[in-house]
Each structure stands twice: as structure tokens, then as C-alpha cells.
Protein backbone atom coordinates (compact mmCIF):
# COMPACT_ATOMS: atom_id res chain seq x y z
CA MET A 1 104.68 124.72 114.90
CA GLU A 2 106.60 123.32 117.88
CA LEU A 3 103.54 122.94 120.10
CA LEU A 4 102.93 119.38 121.27
CA GLY A 5 99.53 117.88 121.90
CA LYS A 6 98.41 114.68 123.59
CA GLN A 7 101.08 112.01 124.03
CA GLU A 8 103.71 114.63 123.12
CA ARG A 9 102.76 114.55 119.42
CA ASN A 10 103.47 117.38 117.01
CA ILE A 11 101.26 118.48 114.14
CA LEU A 12 102.89 115.99 111.73
CA HIS A 13 102.14 113.15 114.16
CA VAL A 14 98.50 114.22 114.22
CA ALA A 15 98.30 114.58 110.43
CA SER A 16 99.88 111.18 109.83
CA LYS A 17 97.66 109.52 112.43
CA ASN A 18 94.52 110.93 110.81
CA SER A 19 95.55 110.48 107.15
CA LYS A 20 95.70 114.22 106.40
CA VAL A 21 97.97 113.83 103.39
CA GLY A 22 97.56 117.50 102.39
CA VAL A 23 98.98 118.63 105.72
CA VAL A 24 101.77 116.06 105.51
CA ASN A 25 102.78 117.26 102.03
CA TYR A 26 102.69 120.91 103.15
CA ILE A 27 105.01 120.18 106.09
CA LEU A 28 107.38 118.23 103.86
CA LYS A 29 107.58 121.18 101.46
CA THR A 30 108.26 123.69 104.26
CA PRO A 31 112.00 123.69 105.13
CA GLU A 32 111.56 125.32 108.55
CA LEU A 33 109.34 122.40 109.62
CA GLY A 34 112.02 119.81 108.91
CA LYS A 35 112.62 119.24 112.63
CA LEU A 36 109.18 117.65 112.89
CA LEU A 37 109.88 114.79 110.46
CA ASN A 38 111.74 112.46 112.82
CA GLN A 39 110.42 113.74 116.13
CA ILE A 40 109.09 111.06 118.48
CA ASP A 41 106.08 111.01 120.80
CA GLU A 42 105.95 109.59 124.34
CA ASP A 43 105.95 106.05 122.93
CA GLY A 44 108.92 106.72 120.69
CA ASN A 45 106.79 106.69 117.55
CA THR A 46 107.69 108.94 114.63
CA PRO A 47 104.99 110.25 112.25
CA LEU A 48 105.91 107.36 109.94
CA HIS A 49 105.25 104.87 112.74
CA LEU A 50 101.76 106.28 113.30
CA ALA A 51 100.94 106.21 109.59
CA ALA A 52 102.14 102.59 109.45
CA ILE A 53 100.11 101.54 112.48
CA ASP A 54 96.86 102.78 110.91
CA GLY A 55 97.76 101.80 107.34
CA HIS A 56 97.53 105.30 105.84
CA ASN A 57 99.33 104.53 102.60
CA ARG A 58 99.34 108.00 101.05
CA CYS A 59 100.90 109.55 104.15
CA MET A 60 103.43 106.74 104.37
CA HIS A 61 104.36 107.13 100.72
CA ALA A 62 104.94 110.86 101.16
CA LEU A 63 107.06 110.35 104.29
CA ALA A 64 109.03 107.31 103.15
CA TRP A 65 110.12 108.95 99.90
CA ASP A 66 111.44 112.05 101.63
CA LYS A 67 115.19 111.60 102.12
CA ARG A 68 115.11 113.54 105.39
CA VAL A 69 112.84 110.95 107.01
CA ASN A 70 114.72 108.16 108.75
CA VAL A 71 112.61 105.07 108.06
CA ASN A 72 114.84 102.93 110.29
CA LEU A 73 114.17 104.73 113.58
CA ARG A 74 112.87 102.47 116.34
CA ASN A 75 110.23 103.33 118.93
CA HIS A 76 110.43 102.43 122.63
CA ASP A 77 109.48 98.83 121.78
CA GLY A 78 112.53 98.61 119.54
CA ILE A 79 110.66 98.28 116.26
CA THR A 80 110.69 100.25 113.01
CA ALA A 81 107.70 101.25 110.90
CA LEU A 82 108.45 98.30 108.60
CA ASP A 83 108.36 95.94 111.59
CA VAL A 84 104.93 97.32 112.51
CA VAL A 85 103.57 96.60 109.05
CA GLU A 86 105.08 93.12 108.82
CA GLU A 87 103.68 92.09 112.19
CA GLN A 88 100.22 93.35 111.25
CA THR A 89 100.44 91.54 107.90
CA GLU A 90 101.29 88.26 109.62
CA THR A 91 98.33 88.51 112.01
CA ASP A 92 95.83 89.95 109.52
CA VAL A 93 96.38 88.04 106.29
CA SER A 94 92.94 88.99 104.93
CA PHE A 95 93.83 92.70 104.80
CA PRO A 96 95.53 93.40 101.42
CA LYS A 97 96.13 97.05 102.29
CA ARG A 98 98.89 95.90 104.64
CA ARG A 99 100.71 94.39 101.68
CA ILE A 100 100.55 97.71 99.84
CA THR A 101 101.91 99.41 102.95
CA TRP A 102 104.76 96.90 103.10
CA LEU A 103 105.65 97.57 99.45
CA ILE A 104 105.87 101.31 100.19
CA LEU A 105 108.32 100.87 103.06
CA GLN A 106 110.40 97.91 101.88
CA PRO A 107 112.59 99.73 99.29
CA SER A 108 113.58 102.44 101.78
CA ALA A 109 114.14 100.32 104.89
CA THR A 110 117.01 98.19 106.06
CA ARG A 111 116.52 94.56 106.98
CA LYS A 112 113.78 93.71 109.44
CA THR A 113 114.67 94.09 113.10
CA ILE A 114 115.40 90.75 114.72
CA ARG A 115 113.61 90.50 118.04
CA PRO A 116 114.01 87.12 119.73
CA GLU A 117 111.67 88.15 122.52
CA LEU A 118 108.63 88.10 120.20
CA LYS A 119 105.89 85.81 121.45
CA PRO A 120 105.05 82.72 119.38
CA GLU A 121 101.88 82.63 117.34
CA SER A 122 98.81 82.17 119.51
CA PRO A 123 96.63 79.04 119.10
CA ALA A 124 93.66 81.21 118.07
CA THR A 125 95.64 82.89 115.30
CA LYS A 126 97.02 79.56 114.12
CA LYS A 127 93.52 78.03 114.05
CA TYR A 128 92.15 81.02 112.12
CA ARG A 129 94.99 80.77 109.62
CA ASN A 130 94.46 77.02 109.12
CA ASN A 131 90.72 77.49 108.68
CA MET A 132 91.35 80.15 106.07
CA VAL A 133 93.75 77.87 104.18
CA ASN A 134 91.21 75.03 104.21
CA THR A 135 88.38 77.29 103.08
CA LEU A 136 90.35 78.77 100.18
CA LEU A 137 91.58 75.30 99.22
CA LEU A 138 88.00 74.02 99.08
CA VAL A 139 86.86 76.98 96.97
CA SER A 140 89.79 76.65 94.56
CA ILE A 141 89.10 72.91 94.09
CA LEU A 142 85.42 73.63 93.40
CA VAL A 143 86.34 76.28 90.83
CA THR A 144 88.81 73.87 89.22
CA THR A 145 86.14 71.16 88.97
CA VAL A 146 83.49 73.43 87.48
CA THR A 147 85.79 75.12 84.95
CA PHE A 148 87.30 71.78 83.90
CA SER A 149 83.82 70.41 83.20
CA ALA A 150 82.85 73.57 81.32
CA GLY A 151 85.81 73.01 79.00
CA PHE A 152 84.13 69.83 77.68
CA THR A 153 80.42 70.72 77.89
CA MET A 154 80.58 73.80 75.68
CA PRO A 155 77.57 76.15 75.61
CA GLY A 156 75.62 75.54 72.41
CA GLY A 157 77.12 72.11 71.91
CA TYR A 158 79.25 70.90 68.99
CA ASN A 159 78.80 70.96 65.21
CA ASN A 160 77.96 67.56 63.72
CA SER A 161 78.17 68.49 60.03
CA TYR A 162 81.17 68.30 57.73
CA PRO A 163 83.61 70.13 57.38
CA HIS A 164 83.21 71.64 60.86
CA GLU A 165 82.41 68.42 62.66
CA GLY A 166 83.46 68.53 66.32
CA MET A 167 83.81 72.33 66.32
CA ALA A 168 81.85 74.34 68.88
CA THR A 169 78.77 75.82 67.23
CA LEU A 170 79.27 79.23 68.86
CA VAL A 171 82.97 79.51 68.07
CA THR A 172 82.48 82.67 65.98
CA ARG A 173 80.48 84.45 68.69
CA LEU A 174 82.38 87.11 70.66
CA SER A 175 80.53 86.23 73.87
CA PHE A 176 81.59 82.58 73.50
CA GLN A 177 85.22 83.57 72.95
CA ILE A 178 85.12 85.73 76.07
CA PHE A 179 83.63 82.81 77.99
CA LEU A 180 86.34 80.44 76.75
CA ILE A 181 89.20 82.78 77.68
CA SER A 182 87.70 83.52 81.10
CA ASN A 183 87.09 79.84 81.78
CA THR A 184 90.67 78.97 80.84
CA ILE A 185 92.08 81.70 83.12
CA ALA A 186 89.82 80.53 85.98
CA LEU A 187 90.89 76.91 85.46
CA TYR A 188 94.61 77.52 85.54
CA SER A 189 94.55 80.14 88.31
CA SER A 190 92.43 77.88 90.55
CA ILE A 191 94.81 74.97 89.94
CA ILE A 192 97.76 77.17 90.91
CA ALA A 193 95.92 78.38 94.02
CA ALA A 194 94.98 74.82 95.04
CA VAL A 195 98.54 73.50 94.66
CA ASN A 196 99.90 76.56 96.47
CA LEU A 197 97.54 76.14 99.42
CA PHE A 198 98.10 72.39 99.59
CA TRP A 199 101.84 72.99 99.78
CA ALA A 200 101.32 75.73 102.40
CA GLN A 201 99.87 73.22 104.87
CA PHE A 202 103.32 71.64 105.19
CA ALA A 203 105.20 74.94 105.52
CA ASP A 204 105.96 77.27 108.41
CA THR A 205 103.91 80.30 109.42
CA LYS A 206 105.59 82.83 107.16
CA LEU A 207 105.23 80.62 104.10
CA VAL A 208 101.57 80.01 104.91
CA THR A 209 101.04 83.77 105.08
CA GLY A 210 102.74 84.19 101.72
CA ALA A 211 100.64 81.40 100.21
CA LEU A 212 97.44 83.06 101.43
CA ASN A 213 98.50 86.43 100.01
CA ILE A 214 99.11 84.83 96.62
CA SER A 215 96.09 82.51 96.55
CA GLY A 216 93.53 84.97 97.93
CA PRO A 217 93.36 87.19 94.82
């Protein structure tokens, strides 16, 4: 159980790296293997670091909720597992699994490590982010336009006879009611997304990332 493999990693490192949640849970339930929980490899990474790097949420959840695991340990680069996830989230805004990973770690971790030596955002990343904002903004505006029009041009038309004059002819149909509710939700959610993305173009990088995470779904 103390044997180290490549890069000075123990069996818990290997299990966390390869998303073997059964092995992780077994080690956590075995008291004599407690020394493995916070052990570091040659890069200073704990098993939690490795699970965070590869986004293995089930392994991270098991490790982060064990009180013996120190979620605030830093590797040789001076970063915690939470720092790893937040940096990956900022550079890969289209990957929602990173947000789930962040939610797993956030309650257990202290504040994010402040590292002034971090490099500024690259032009390629900034261009990709701006293109994504513009694309989602265009899509949300198109959805808003279509759903707004559908609210006036009802399927089946309107009733022209008294006493139901002006009422949609299909108002009693379940399928029409489902359409109306869905169209209303699409209209309002696309308006919110469009306003959110429009505002994001005047904000800093972190706010743009947050806007994309909200508007994407």
C-alpha cells in the first residue's frame, strides 16, 4: 500500500487520475490507508489535485467531503485543487463539467490563492471568448424575434365568432397550451440571455466568463 509508481504516485493518486471511484471509496473507508490521502507526487499534486485536473467529479466529491483530506494543500506551482478548476473554467468556458467540479470544491476550500505572477489572457483566448459571446448573442436575438412573432401569429388563428371573438381557436387543446408555455419560456429566457451577453461585452474577463456560463444553458 506504500509502493509508489511513476512520478512518485501512490495507489490513490492512480485511482483519482483514472476516475476509479470504487478504489477511492475503499481507500477512504480503510483507516490504515489514511496516510495516502494527502500524499504528494513529484509535482506536489495530491490525489485531489489529479482528480481536479482531469475533472473526475465523483472522485473529487468523495475526497473533498472527507474531513481528513486537506483541500487547501498547494502543489509545487503554489496552487490548490480549487485554483486548478477555476483556471480551467476561465479558459474553457464551453465545458460545463468544470462548473460542477467548482461547486464540489468551493464549500470546502478557503479563498482562491492570489498569484500575481499569472500571465494575462492570451489574444487567442480573448478572441475565442469574444466570438463565442457574439455567436450566442446572435442566436439569442434570433430566438427572441421568432418567439415574439409566434406570440401574435398563433397556430390555428383566432376565433371570429361571438362570444369568443379574438380568442385562439386551439386554446382548449393541450398541445397548444404546451406550445404557448414553451414559447413564453423561450421568449423571456432569450431576452435575459441577450441582455446578459450585451452587458458582458463591456465587462472584464471574469464577468464575461460568468455571463457565458449563465447564457449558454
